[in-house]
Amino acid sequence: MPLYRLIYKSTSTQPLTSDFLKSLEGISKKNNSALGVTGILISNKTSFMQVLEGESKSVNTIYRNLCKDPRHSDIELICYDKITHREFSDWSMKCLSTGIMGRLIADQLKKKFGTDNSDLILPTDGDKAFALLFDLAFLLKTGEI
């Protein structure tokens, strides 16, 4: 079956504390694993950006559920593309926060992708969003995060 990659951005309706993100990661891992979906999520002080990869039916099911989830508002679909292979296959879900990254890494990402009120911008351009998420996956794989 063909694979798809979906990237979206949303605004959090509640504070993005480390406890909240750990809980979100646990729930997401369980739900995504059951559907064969992989991906990562990054958050800054107010927003989420997430990539989901898997079969279209599974990715669409998760995205529909996210659109109804009261923890999100202003959900924006950034891209939805057919892909030949997964780039985020190591994680059923991995949550990252700009607040827990080392200062050097956060500063490098801010230089590359920009800042808003001193926080990392989560880009809405599909190529830039993918580049940010890909960079994060690389940093995770190399143990830098």
Protein backbone atom coordinates (compact mmCIF):
# COMPACT_ATOMS: atom_id res chain seq x y z
CA MET A 1 0.00 0.00 0.00
CA PRO A 2 1.19 3.53 -0.71
CA LEU A 3 2.56 5.65 2.11
CA TYR A 4 1.69 9.27 2.87
CA ARG A 5 3.27 12.04 4.90
CA LEU A 6 1.11 14.67 6.57
CA ILE A 7 2.48 17.73 8.36
CA TYR A 8 0.27 20.09 10.31
CA LYS A 9 0.66 22.97 12.72
CA SER A 10 -1.73 23.98 15.50
CA THR A 11 -2.00 26.23 18.52
CA SER A 12 -2.15 24.61 21.93
CA THR A 13 -5.18 25.42 24.05
CA GLN A 14 -3.25 24.74 27.25
CA PRO A 15 0.25 25.33 28.65
CA LEU A 16 2.87 23.11 27.04
CA THR A 17 4.48 21.74 30.20
CA SER A 18 6.84 18.77 30.18
CA ASP A 19 4.22 16.67 32.00
CA PHE A 20 1.61 17.53 29.37
CA LEU A 21 4.02 16.63 26.54
CA LYS A 22 4.99 13.33 28.19
CA SER A 23 1.32 12.42 28.52
CA LEU A 24 0.66 13.43 24.92
CA GLU A 25 3.61 11.36 23.73
CA GLY A 26 2.40 8.27 25.60
CA ILE A 27 -1.12 8.49 24.22
CA SER A 28 0.14 9.22 20.71
CA LYS A 29 2.58 6.29 20.74
CA LYS A 30 -0.23 3.91 21.65
CA ASN A 31 -2.67 5.28 19.06
CA ASN A 32 -0.10 5.59 16.28
CA SER A 33 1.37 2.13 16.87
CA ALA A 34 -2.07 0.57 16.61
CA LEU A 35 -2.48 2.17 13.17
CA GLY A 36 1.09 1.69 11.90
CA VAL A 37 1.79 5.44 11.87
CA THR A 38 5.16 6.99 12.68
CA GLY A 39 6.25 10.56 13.28
CA ILE A 40 7.53 13.28 15.56
CA LEU A 41 6.05 16.39 17.15
CA ILE A 42 7.82 19.60 18.07
CA SER A 43 6.37 22.32 20.25
CA ASN A 44 7.46 25.83 21.04
CA LYS A 45 5.85 27.93 23.77
CA THR A 46 2.41 28.03 22.11
CA SER A 47 2.23 25.72 19.08
CA PHE A 48 2.67 22.18 17.81
CA MET A 49 4.03 20.92 14.51
CA GLN A 50 3.70 17.23 13.81
CA VAL A 51 4.56 14.86 10.99
CA LEU A 52 2.64 11.63 10.52
CA GLU A 53 3.67 8.88 8.09
CA GLY A 54 1.74 5.77 7.15
CA GLU A 55 -1.03 4.42 4.96
CA SER A 56 -3.56 7.06 3.90
CA LYS A 57 -6.47 5.61 5.86
CA SER A 58 -4.45 5.52 9.10
CA VAL A 59 -2.93 8.98 8.65
CA ASN A 60 -6.34 10.42 7.79
CA THR A 61 -7.95 8.78 10.84
CA ILE A 62 -5.38 10.32 13.17
CA TYR A 63 -5.63 13.74 11.52
CA ARG A 64 -9.45 13.71 11.75
CA ASN A 65 -9.16 12.89 15.45
CA LEU A 66 -6.62 15.69 15.93
CA CYS A 67 -8.98 18.16 14.29
CA LYS A 68 -11.59 17.32 16.96
CA ASP A 69 -9.10 17.28 19.84
CA PRO A 70 -9.77 20.15 22.30
CA ARG A 71 -6.03 20.44 23.04
CA HIS A 72 -5.57 22.05 19.59
CA SER A 73 -6.97 25.09 17.83
CA ASP A 74 -6.18 26.81 14.53
CA ILE A 75 -5.11 23.55 12.91
CA GLU A 76 -3.36 24.18 9.59
CA LEU A 77 -2.55 21.40 7.14
CA ILE A 78 0.92 22.19 5.79
CA CYS A 79 1.37 19.27 3.40
CA TYR A 80 -0.01 15.88 2.54
CA ASP A 81 2.18 13.96 0.11
CA LYS A 82 2.53 10.47 -1.26
CA ILE A 83 5.98 9.14 -0.31
CA THR A 84 8.14 6.16 -1.27
CA HIS A 85 9.61 5.58 2.20
CA ARG A 86 9.35 6.83 5.77
CA GLU A 87 11.82 9.38 7.12
CA PHE A 88 10.50 9.12 10.70
CA SER A 89 10.23 5.34 11.03
CA ASP A 90 12.16 5.19 14.30
CA TRP A 91 9.28 6.59 16.34
CA SER A 92 5.58 5.78 16.61
CA MET A 93 5.70 9.26 18.17
CA LYS A 94 8.41 11.39 19.68
CA CYS A 95 7.59 14.72 21.31
CA LEU A 96 10.20 17.45 21.48
CA SER A 97 10.00 20.90 22.98
CA THR A 98 12.21 23.85 22.18
CA GLY A 99 12.40 24.32 25.94
CA ILE A 100 14.23 21.03 26.53
CA MET A 101 16.72 21.26 23.68
CA GLY A 102 20.23 22.31 24.50
CA ARG A 103 20.81 26.01 24.01
CA LEU A 104 23.31 25.46 21.19
CA ILE A 105 20.90 23.29 19.20
CA ALA A 106 17.96 25.62 19.82
CA ASP A 107 20.07 28.62 18.75
CA GLN A 108 21.17 26.83 15.56
CA LEU A 109 17.57 25.96 14.67
CA LYS A 110 16.48 29.54 15.40
CA LYS A 111 19.17 30.87 13.05
CA LYS A 112 18.11 28.46 10.32
CA PHE A 113 14.31 28.77 10.65
CA GLY A 114 13.82 32.12 12.40
CA THR A 115 12.33 33.34 15.65
CA ASP A 116 9.15 34.98 16.88
CA ASN A 117 9.24 36.53 20.36
CA SER A 118 12.61 34.74 20.87
CA ASP A 119 11.07 31.31 20.23
CA LEU A 120 11.66 29.03 17.26
CA ILE A 121 9.25 29.63 14.37
CA LEU A 122 7.38 26.52 13.28
CA PRO A 123 7.26 27.14 9.51
CA THR A 124 4.08 26.77 7.48
CA ASP A 125 5.90 26.25 4.17
CA GLY A 126 5.91 22.52 3.44
CA ASP A 127 9.58 22.27 2.46
CA LYS A 128 10.76 24.30 5.46
CA ALA A 129 8.50 22.36 7.84
CA PHE A 130 9.87 19.06 6.53
CA ALA A 131 13.44 20.40 6.80
CA LEU A 132 12.93 21.33 10.46
CA LEU A 133 11.40 17.97 11.33
CA PHE A 134 14.10 16.13 9.35
CA ASP A 135 16.82 18.08 11.20
CA LEU A 136 15.23 17.11 14.51
CA ALA A 137 15.08 13.45 13.49
CA PHE A 138 18.76 13.57 12.56
CA LEU A 139 19.67 15.16 15.89
CA LEU A 140 17.66 12.49 17.73
CA LYS A 141 19.35 9.67 15.82
CA THR A 142 22.82 11.05 16.51
CA GLY A 143 22.03 11.52 20.21
CA GLU A 144 22.46 15.29 20.14
CA ILE A 145 18.95 15.76 21.54
